[in-house]
Amino acid sequence: MMEKLRVVYLVWNHVGPMDSIYDSYTLLYKTIIPESGYTLRQEEFLHFEQYDSRFRWYDKNSVIELWVPVM
């Protein structure tokens, strides 16, 4: 019988145009995660982005969810 793996994600919203997303990643990896008490879980992949109806490429109010596996 296979054991199910439970993965916890820290979800952070990037708000702003796509060309500023790296600022959000820098904040997330250098400040938010270290101060959260979580550590990165880097077994499979580092992170993924979720785009929904709030995403508008160059809009200053555009939202992209950044999902990072943590433990």
Protein backbone atom coordinates (compact mmCIF):
# COMPACT_ATOMS: atom_id res chain seq x y z
CA MET A 1 0.00 0.00 0.00
CA MET A 2 1.33 3.44 -0.95
CA GLU A 3 1.54 6.08 1.72
CA LYS A 4 0.13 9.46 0.76
CA LEU A 5 2.55 12.34 0.95
CA ARG A 6 1.15 15.49 2.50
CA VAL A 7 2.72 18.64 1.10
CA VAL A 8 2.25 22.05 2.71
CA TYR A 9 2.49 25.17 0.58
CA LEU A 10 3.12 28.75 1.54
CA VAL A 11 1.07 30.87 -0.87
CA TRP A 12 2.09 34.47 -1.52
CA ASN A 13 0.32 36.89 -3.86
CA HIS A 14 2.42 38.88 -6.29
CA VAL A 15 0.50 42.09 -6.92
CA GLY A 16 1.68 44.19 -9.83
CA PRO A 17 2.78 43.86 -13.43
CA MET A 18 4.56 40.72 -14.58
CA ASP A 19 7.87 42.53 -15.05
CA SER A 20 8.11 43.08 -11.27
CA ILE A 21 7.47 39.46 -10.25
CA TYR A 22 11.14 38.91 -9.35
CA ASP A 23 10.79 41.54 -6.62
CA SER A 24 8.07 39.36 -5.08
CA TYR A 25 10.24 36.25 -5.35
CA THR A 26 13.14 38.05 -3.68
CA LEU A 27 10.89 39.17 -0.82
CA LEU A 28 9.36 35.70 -0.52
CA TYR A 29 12.62 33.72 -0.45
CA LYS A 30 14.81 36.18 1.48
CA THR A 31 12.31 37.54 4.03
CA ILE A 32 8.87 35.91 4.17
CA ILE A 33 9.94 32.24 4.26
CA PRO A 34 12.86 32.70 6.70
CA GLU A 35 10.62 34.69 9.08
CA SER A 36 7.69 32.26 8.76
CA GLY A 37 9.26 29.40 10.70
CA TYR A 38 8.98 27.13 7.66
CA THR A 39 11.86 25.66 5.66
CA LEU A 40 11.89 25.00 1.93
CA ARG A 41 10.95 21.56 0.70
CA GLN A 42 13.01 21.18 -2.49
CA GLU A 43 12.55 17.50 -3.36
CA GLU A 44 10.43 17.80 -6.48
CA PHE A 45 10.45 21.43 -7.59
CA LEU A 46 11.01 24.82 -6.06
CA HIS A 47 7.68 26.59 -6.68
CA PHE A 48 4.87 27.17 -9.12
CA GLU A 49 2.67 30.08 -10.14
CA GLN A 50 -1.10 30.04 -10.39
CA TYR A 51 -2.79 32.41 -12.82
CA ASP A 52 -6.52 33.10 -12.64
CA SER A 53 -8.95 35.86 -13.63
CA ARG A 54 -7.04 38.37 -11.45
CA PHE A 55 -4.01 38.18 -13.76
CA ARG A 56 -3.55 41.01 -16.27
CA TRP A 57 -0.04 41.12 -17.74
CA TYR A 58 0.95 44.79 -17.33
CA ASP A 59 -1.72 45.92 -14.83
CA LYS A 60 -0.47 47.32 -11.51
CA ASN A 61 -3.29 45.44 -9.73
CA SER A 62 -2.63 42.09 -11.42
CA VAL A 63 -2.38 39.09 -9.04
CA ILE A 64 -0.38 35.88 -9.43
CA GLU A 65 -0.28 33.29 -6.65
CA LEU A 66 3.22 32.00 -5.87
CA TRP A 67 3.06 28.51 -4.32
CA VAL A 68 6.17 27.28 -2.49
CA PRO A 69 6.37 23.81 -0.91
CA VAL A 70 7.50 24.11 2.71
CA MET A 71 7.80 21.99 5.81
